[in-house]
Amino acid sequence: MANNRSGRKRRFKNDDINKIIKEHSNGRSVSELAKEYGVSRQTMSFYIHEVAAELEMSNSDNTACLVREMTYWKKLNRDFNLTAEELSRYKARYDYMLGDDILTSILVDFLHEQINVLDFTSHPMKRAFGVKKRPSWDDFVSFLEDRCVPRSRDHMKLILYDYKLDSYDPFAIVERTGGRMAEDERYIKIYRIGA
């Protein structure tokens, strides 16, 4: 499990962070955990004392996080180059992922039905919206539907029952499934700013 590369901080997955926090609260020291995970004491302390306070993982498959602190929300979204006032309108971020790599980040303003998009890959076929530079809200909803079971699927009522939904809602389905599809290895990681 240890992977110590000098000069490069290891990025932990949400499951790892949850496990580390639990072990630390059960009495394991920062030094012990740092040695086990192959990172410095400073890095381990950062994860235990800062990241854990800023994120609450809401499910075990690493697709949904609640951001507790506005300072972390600003850090998370610094690549968007938005003012604090502009950023405060966006209450969610959907990262379109392939493995640990972000392909496209989408900031979501539910109130005004607007999105702000940042691509992290130059390959249009890997981006959430292809060659579109300024996708609309309808484009966003279509993208989510493309990452869901089709509306026309047989036995849709049973599928919705399994998802604990009363009606077809691409937002709710993606939250429950992470937008995972059998055809590819891509998924959607969701962050929400909240109290």
C-alpha atoms as a PDB file:
ATOM      1  CA  MET A   1       0.000   0.000   0.000  1.00  0.00           C
ATOM      2  CA  ALA A   2       2.902   2.362   0.718  1.00  0.00           C
ATOM      3  CA  ASN A   3       4.152   4.363  -2.233  1.00  0.00           C
ATOM      4  CA  ASN A   4       6.710   6.952  -1.225  1.00  0.00           C
ATOM      5  CA  ARG A   5       7.808   9.175  -4.083  1.00  0.00           C
ATOM      6  CA  SER A   6      10.027  11.979  -2.857  1.00  0.00           C
ATOM      7  CA  GLY A   7       8.849  15.453  -3.743  1.00  0.00           C
ATOM      8  CA  ARG A   8       5.329  14.355  -4.689  1.00  0.00           C
ATOM      9  CA  LYS A   9       2.390  14.256  -2.292  1.00  0.00           C
ATOM     10  CA  ARG A  10       0.254  11.160  -2.547  1.00  0.00           C
ATOM     11  CA  ARG A  11      -3.424  11.722  -3.288  1.00  0.00           C
ATOM     12  CA  PHE A  12      -5.677   9.573  -1.174  1.00  0.00           C
ATOM     13  CA  LYS A  13      -9.059   8.325  -2.289  1.00  0.00           C
ATOM     14  CA  ASN A  14     -12.074   9.053  -0.095  1.00  0.00           C
ATOM     15  CA  ASP A  15     -12.125   5.475   1.237  1.00  0.00           C
ATOM     16  CA  ASP A  16      -8.490   5.843   2.324  1.00  0.00           C
ATOM     17  CA  ILE A  17      -9.214   9.143   4.055  1.00  0.00           C
ATOM     18  CA  ASN A  18     -12.187   7.662   5.893  1.00  0.00           C
ATOM     19  CA  LYS A  19     -10.049   4.708   7.011  1.00  0.00           C
ATOM     20  CA  ILE A  20      -7.194   6.979   8.136  1.00  0.00           C
ATOM     21  CA  ILE A  21      -9.534   9.241  10.144  1.00  0.00           C
ATOM     22  CA  LYS A  22     -11.121   6.229  11.830  1.00  0.00           C
ATOM     23  CA  GLU A  23      -7.740   4.692  12.688  1.00  0.00           C
ATOM     24  CA  HIS A  24      -6.476   8.021  14.051  1.00  0.00           C
ATOM     25  CA  SER A  25      -9.596   8.468  16.195  1.00  0.00           C
ATOM     26  CA  ASN A  26      -9.014   4.914  17.529  1.00  0.00           C
ATOM     27  CA  GLY A  27      -5.590   5.959  18.850  1.00  0.00           C
ATOM     28  CA  ARG A  28      -3.103   5.429  16.026  1.00  0.00           C
ATOM     29  CA  SER A  29      -0.545   8.221  15.801  1.00  0.00           C
ATOM     30  CA  VAL A  30       0.120  10.458  12.806  1.00  0.00           C
ATOM     31  CA  SER A  31       3.649   8.963  12.606  1.00  0.00           C
ATOM     32  CA  GLU A  32       2.360   5.370  12.495  1.00  0.00           C
ATOM     33  CA  LEU A  33      -0.158   6.188   9.772  1.00  0.00           C
ATOM     34  CA  ALA A  34       2.386   8.181   7.750  1.00  0.00           C
ATOM     35  CA  LYS A  35       4.777   5.231   7.801  1.00  0.00           C
ATOM     36  CA  GLU A  36       2.055   2.752   6.832  1.00  0.00           C
ATOM     37  CA  TYR A  37       0.819   4.862   3.900  1.00  0.00           C
ATOM     38  CA  GLY A  38       4.302   5.917   2.762  1.00  0.00           C
ATOM     39  CA  VAL A  39       3.926   9.672   3.197  1.00  0.00           C
ATOM     40  CA  SER A  40       5.509  12.330   5.401  1.00  0.00           C
ATOM     41  CA  ARG A  41       4.080  13.223   8.825  1.00  0.00           C
ATOM     42  CA  GLN A  42       3.133  16.654   7.405  1.00  0.00           C
ATOM     43  CA  THR A  43       1.145  15.117   4.564  1.00  0.00           C
ATOM     44  CA  MET A  44      -0.636  12.705   6.915  1.00  0.00           C
ATOM     45  CA  SER A  45      -1.376  15.533   9.352  1.00  0.00           C
ATOM     46  CA  PHE A  46      -2.803  17.584   6.482  1.00  0.00           C
ATOM     47  CA  TYR A  47      -5.211  14.774   5.558  1.00  0.00           C
ATOM     48  CA  ILE A  48      -6.235  14.105   9.147  1.00  0.00           C
ATOM     49  CA  HIS A  49      -6.693  17.687  10.294  1.00  0.00           C
ATOM     50  CA  GLU A  50      -7.589  19.667   7.169  1.00  0.00           C
ATOM     51  CA  VAL A  51      -9.089  17.489   4.450  1.00  0.00           C
ATOM     52  CA  ALA A  52     -11.244  15.503   6.895  1.00  0.00           C
ATOM     53  CA  ALA A  53     -12.641  18.745   8.304  1.00  0.00           C
ATOM     54  CA  GLU A  54     -13.439  20.054   4.837  1.00  0.00           C
ATOM     55  CA  LEU A  55     -14.957  16.977   3.200  1.00  0.00           C
ATOM     56  CA  GLU A  56     -17.645  14.565   4.219  1.00  0.00           C
ATOM     57  CA  MET A  57     -17.798  11.482   2.036  1.00  0.00           C
ATOM     58  CA  SER A  58     -21.385  10.473   1.461  1.00  0.00           C
ATOM     59  CA  ASN A  59     -20.874   7.095  -0.168  1.00  0.00           C
ATOM     60  CA  SER A  60     -18.246   4.402  -0.402  1.00  0.00           C
ATOM     61  CA  ASP A  61     -17.585   4.470  -4.136  1.00  0.00           C
ATOM     62  CA  ASN A  62     -15.910   7.901  -4.141  1.00  0.00           C
ATOM     63  CA  THR A  63     -18.547   9.696  -6.224  1.00  0.00           C
ATOM     64  CA  ALA A  64     -20.083  12.206  -3.796  1.00  0.00           C
ATOM     65  CA  CYS A  65     -18.528  14.613  -1.313  1.00  0.00           C
ATOM     66  CA  LEU A  66     -19.930  17.446   0.746  1.00  0.00           C
ATOM     67  CA  VAL A  67     -17.503  20.372   1.050  1.00  0.00           C
ATOM     68  CA  ARG A  68     -17.838  21.959   4.487  1.00  0.00           C
ATOM     69  CA  GLU A  69     -15.566  25.002   4.168  1.00  0.00           C
ATOM     70  CA  MET A  70     -15.770  27.833   1.626  1.00  0.00           C
ATOM     71  CA  THR A  71     -11.969  28.098   1.683  1.00  0.00           C
ATOM     72  CA  TYR A  72     -11.694  24.510   0.428  1.00  0.00           C
ATOM     73  CA  TRP A  73     -14.419  25.178  -2.194  1.00  0.00           C
ATOM     74  CA  LYS A  74     -12.293  28.078  -3.469  1.00  0.00           C
ATOM     75  CA  LYS A  75      -9.147  25.904  -3.542  1.00  0.00           C
ATOM     76  CA  LEU A  76     -10.990  23.093  -5.308  1.00  0.00           C
ATOM     77  CA  ASN A  77     -12.228  25.462  -8.026  1.00  0.00           C
ATOM     78  CA  ARG A  78      -9.232  27.781  -8.393  1.00  0.00           C
ATOM     79  CA  ASP A  79      -8.642  26.703 -12.029  1.00  0.00           C
ATOM     80  CA  PHE A  80     -11.926  28.359 -13.005  1.00  0.00           C
ATOM     81  CA  ASN A  81     -10.512  31.848 -12.235  1.00  0.00           C
ATOM     82  CA  LEU A  82     -13.807  33.090 -10.782  1.00  0.00           C
ATOM     83  CA  THR A  83     -14.253  35.798  -8.172  1.00  0.00           C
ATOM     84  CA  ALA A  84     -15.524  34.721  -4.748  1.00  0.00           C
ATOM     85  CA  GLU A  85     -18.912  36.265  -5.590  1.00  0.00           C
ATOM     86  CA  GLU A  86     -19.134  34.424  -8.929  1.00  0.00           C
ATOM     87  CA  LEU A  87     -18.061  31.142  -7.330  1.00  0.00           C
ATOM     88  CA  SER A  88     -20.645  31.462  -4.546  1.00  0.00           C
ATOM     89  CA  ARG A  89     -23.467  31.051  -7.119  1.00  0.00           C
ATOM     90  CA  TYR A  90     -22.305  27.524  -7.918  1.00  0.00           C
ATOM     91  CA  LYS A  91     -23.469  24.946  -5.376  1.00  0.00           C
ATOM     92  CA  ALA A  92     -22.123  21.785  -7.021  1.00  0.00           C
ATOM     93  CA  ARG A  93     -19.238  20.548  -9.105  1.00  0.00           C
ATOM     94  CA  TYR A  94     -19.475  17.486 -11.353  1.00  0.00           C
ATOM     95  CA  ASP A  95     -16.100  16.040 -12.358  1.00  0.00           C
ATOM     96  CA  TYR A  96     -16.228  13.765 -15.382  1.00  0.00           C
ATOM     97  CA  MET A  97     -13.520  11.223 -14.580  1.00  0.00           C
ATOM     98  CA  LEU A  98     -11.486   8.458 -16.164  1.00  0.00           C
ATOM     99  CA  GLY A  99      -9.664   6.646 -13.380  1.00  0.00           C
ATOM    100  CA  ASP A 100      -8.035   9.340 -11.254  1.00  0.00           C
ATOM    101  CA  ASP A 101      -7.947  11.831 -14.144  1.00  0.00           C
ATOM    102  CA  ILE A 102     -10.453  14.662 -14.486  1.00  0.00           C
ATOM    103  CA  LEU A 103     -11.594  15.004 -18.092  1.00  0.00           C
ATOM    104  CA  THR A 104     -14.071  17.868 -17.574  1.00  0.00           C
ATOM    105  CA  SER A 105     -15.179  19.839 -14.507  1.00  0.00           C
ATOM    106  CA  ILE A 106     -18.651  21.348 -14.476  1.00  0.00           C
ATOM    107  CA  LEU A 107     -19.701  23.959 -11.920  1.00  0.00           C
ATOM    108  CA  VAL A 108     -23.476  23.947 -11.485  1.00  0.00           C
ATOM    109  CA  ASP A 109     -25.782  26.844 -10.569  1.00  0.00           C
ATOM    110  CA  PHE A 110     -29.128  25.093  -9.999  1.00  0.00           C
ATOM    111  CA  LEU A 111     -31.008  28.295  -9.190  1.00  0.00           C
ATOM    112  CA  HIS A 112     -30.273  29.986 -12.548  1.00  0.00           C
ATOM    113  CA  GLU A 113     -29.792  26.710 -14.472  1.00  0.00           C
ATOM    114  CA  GLN A 114     -26.307  27.677 -15.608  1.00  0.00           C
ATOM    115  CA  ILE A 115     -23.023  25.808 -15.821  1.00  0.00           C
ATOM    116  CA  ASN A 116     -19.363  26.768 -16.092  1.00  0.00           C
ATOM    117  CA  VAL A 117     -17.139  24.199 -17.801  1.00  0.00           C
ATOM    118  CA  LEU A 118     -13.408  23.555 -17.719  1.00  0.00           C
ATOM    119  CA  ASP A 119     -11.822  20.813 -19.843  1.00  0.00           C
ATOM    120  CA  PHE A 120      -8.656  19.100 -18.616  1.00  0.00           C
ATOM    121  CA  THR A 121      -8.061  17.123 -21.810  1.00  0.00           C
ATOM    122  CA  SER A 122      -7.436  18.380 -25.322  1.00  0.00           C
ATOM    123  CA  HIS A 123      -9.080  15.287 -26.846  1.00  0.00           C
ATOM    124  CA  PRO A 124     -12.660  16.300 -27.809  1.00  0.00           C
ATOM    125  CA  MET A 125     -13.950  12.699 -27.693  1.00  0.00           C
ATOM    126  CA  LYS A 126     -13.005  12.452 -24.013  1.00  0.00           C
ATOM    127  CA  ARG A 127     -14.641  15.729 -22.965  1.00  0.00           C
ATOM    128  CA  ALA A 128     -18.127  15.889 -21.473  1.00  0.00           C
ATOM    129  CA  PHE A 129     -19.356  18.212 -24.235  1.00  0.00           C
ATOM    130  CA  GLY A 130     -17.002  17.380 -27.114  1.00  0.00           C
ATOM    131  CA  VAL A 131     -15.985  20.470 -29.072  1.00  0.00           C
ATOM    132  CA  LYS A 132     -18.624  22.737 -27.491  1.00  0.00           C
ATOM    133  CA  LYS A 133     -16.902  25.516 -25.560  1.00  0.00           C
ATOM    134  CA  ARG A 134     -20.044  27.030 -23.991  1.00  0.00           C
ATOM    135  CA  PRO A 135     -22.562  24.262 -23.379  1.00  0.00           C
ATOM    136  CA  SER A 136     -26.063  25.180 -22.224  1.00  0.00           C
ATOM    137  CA  TRP A 137     -28.123  23.844 -19.327  1.00  0.00           C
ATOM    138  CA  ASP A 138     -29.946  21.575 -21.797  1.00  0.00           C
ATOM    139  CA  ASP A 139     -26.569  20.229 -22.953  1.00  0.00           C
ATOM    140  CA  PHE A 140     -25.731  19.467 -19.321  1.00  0.00           C
ATOM    141  CA  VAL A 141     -29.010  17.623 -18.741  1.00  0.00           C
ATOM    142  CA  SER A 142     -28.446  15.662 -21.978  1.00  0.00           C
ATOM    143  CA  PHE A 143     -24.923  14.762 -20.838  1.00  0.00           C
ATOM    144  CA  LEU A 144     -26.297  13.425 -17.536  1.00  0.00           C
ATOM    145  CA  GLU A 145     -28.999  11.452 -19.357  1.00  0.00           C
ATOM    146  CA  ASP A 146     -26.289   9.921 -21.553  1.00  0.00           C
ATOM    147  CA  ARG A 147     -24.644   8.682 -18.335  1.00  0.00           C
ATOM    148  CA  CYS A 148     -27.920   7.088 -17.129  1.00  0.00           C
ATOM    149  CA  VAL A 149     -30.023   4.113 -18.015  1.00  0.00           C
ATOM    150  CA  PRO A 150     -32.151   5.147 -21.048  1.00  0.00           C
ATOM    151  CA  ARG A 151     -35.677   6.425 -20.324  1.00  0.00           C
ATOM    152  CA  SER A 152     -37.079   3.829 -22.753  1.00  0.00           C
ATOM    153  CA  ARG A 153     -35.501   0.830 -20.979  1.00  0.00           C
ATOM    154  CA  ASP A 154     -37.855  -2.087 -20.334  1.00  0.00           C
ATOM    155  CA  HIS A 155     -38.942  -2.500 -16.712  1.00  0.00           C
ATOM    156  CA  MET A 156     -38.073   1.128 -15.919  1.00  0.00           C
ATOM    157  CA  LYS A 157     -40.374   1.088 -12.875  1.00  0.00           C
ATOM    158  CA  LEU A 158     -38.316  -1.732 -11.358  1.00  0.00           C
ATOM    159  CA  ILE A 159     -35.074   0.088 -12.102  1.00  0.00           C
ATOM    160  CA  LEU A 160     -36.384   3.288 -10.505  1.00  0.00           C
ATOM    161  CA  TYR A 161     -37.571   1.249  -7.528  1.00  0.00           C
ATOM    162  CA  ASP A 162     -34.024  -0.101  -7.109  1.00  0.00           C
ATOM    163  CA  TYR A 163     -32.739   3.493  -7.162  1.00  0.00           C
ATOM    164  CA  LYS A 164     -35.462   4.470  -4.645  1.00  0.00           C
ATOM    165  CA  LEU A 165     -36.908   6.998  -7.104  1.00  0.00           C
ATOM    166  CA  ASP A 166     -40.524   7.740  -8.049  1.00  0.00           C
ATOM    167  CA  SER A 167     -39.721   9.183 -11.465  1.00  0.00           C
ATOM    168  CA  TYR A 168     -36.930   9.395 -14.026  1.00  0.00           C
ATOM    169  CA  ASP A 169     -34.494  12.066 -12.786  1.00  0.00           C
ATOM    170  CA  PRO A 170     -31.015  12.098 -14.387  1.00  0.00           C
ATOM    171  CA  PHE A 171     -29.583  14.178 -11.507  1.00  0.00           C
ATOM    172  CA  ALA A 172     -30.735  11.656  -8.896  1.00  0.00           C
ATOM    173  CA  ILE A 173     -29.733   8.658 -10.996  1.00  0.00           C
ATOM    174  CA  VAL A 174     -26.205  10.011 -11.539  1.00  0.00           C
ATOM    175  CA  GLU A 175     -25.907  10.683  -7.806  1.00  0.00           C
ATOM    176  CA  ARG A 176     -26.800   7.055  -7.095  1.00  0.00           C
ATOM    177  CA  THR A 177     -24.723   5.455  -9.855  1.00  0.00           C
ATOM    178  CA  GLY A 178     -21.842   7.883 -10.293  1.00  0.00           C
ATOM    179  CA  GLY A 179     -22.793   7.985 -13.970  1.00  0.00           C
ATOM    180  CA  ARG A 180     -21.080   4.645 -14.475  1.00  0.00           C
ATOM    181  CA  MET A 181     -21.926   2.798 -17.685  1.00  0.00           C
ATOM    182  CA  ALA A 182     -21.107  -0.751 -18.778  1.00  0.00           C
ATOM    183  CA  GLU A 183     -19.594   0.534 -22.045  1.00  0.00           C
ATOM    184  CA  ASP A 184     -16.712   2.554 -20.537  1.00  0.00           C
ATOM    185  CA  GLU A 185     -14.715   3.240 -17.384  1.00  0.00           C
ATOM    186  CA  ARG A 186     -15.769   6.860 -16.973  1.00  0.00           C
ATOM    187  CA  TYR A 187     -17.762   8.161 -14.029  1.00  0.00           C
ATOM    188  CA  ILE A 188     -18.896  11.392 -12.387  1.00  0.00           C
ATOM    189  CA  LYS A 189     -17.598  12.597  -9.039  1.00  0.00           C
ATOM    190  CA  ILE A 190     -19.863  15.157  -7.349  1.00  0.00           C
ATOM    191  CA  TYR A 191     -18.898  17.836  -4.847  1.00  0.00           C
ATOM    192  CA  ARG A 192     -21.485  20.011  -3.092  1.00  0.00           C
ATOM    193  CA  ILE A 193     -20.865  23.075  -0.971  1.00  0.00           C
ATOM    194  CA  GLY A 194     -22.930  22.888   2.190  1.00  0.00           C
ATOM    195  CA  ALA A 195     -23.164  23.668   5.878  1.00  0.00           C
END
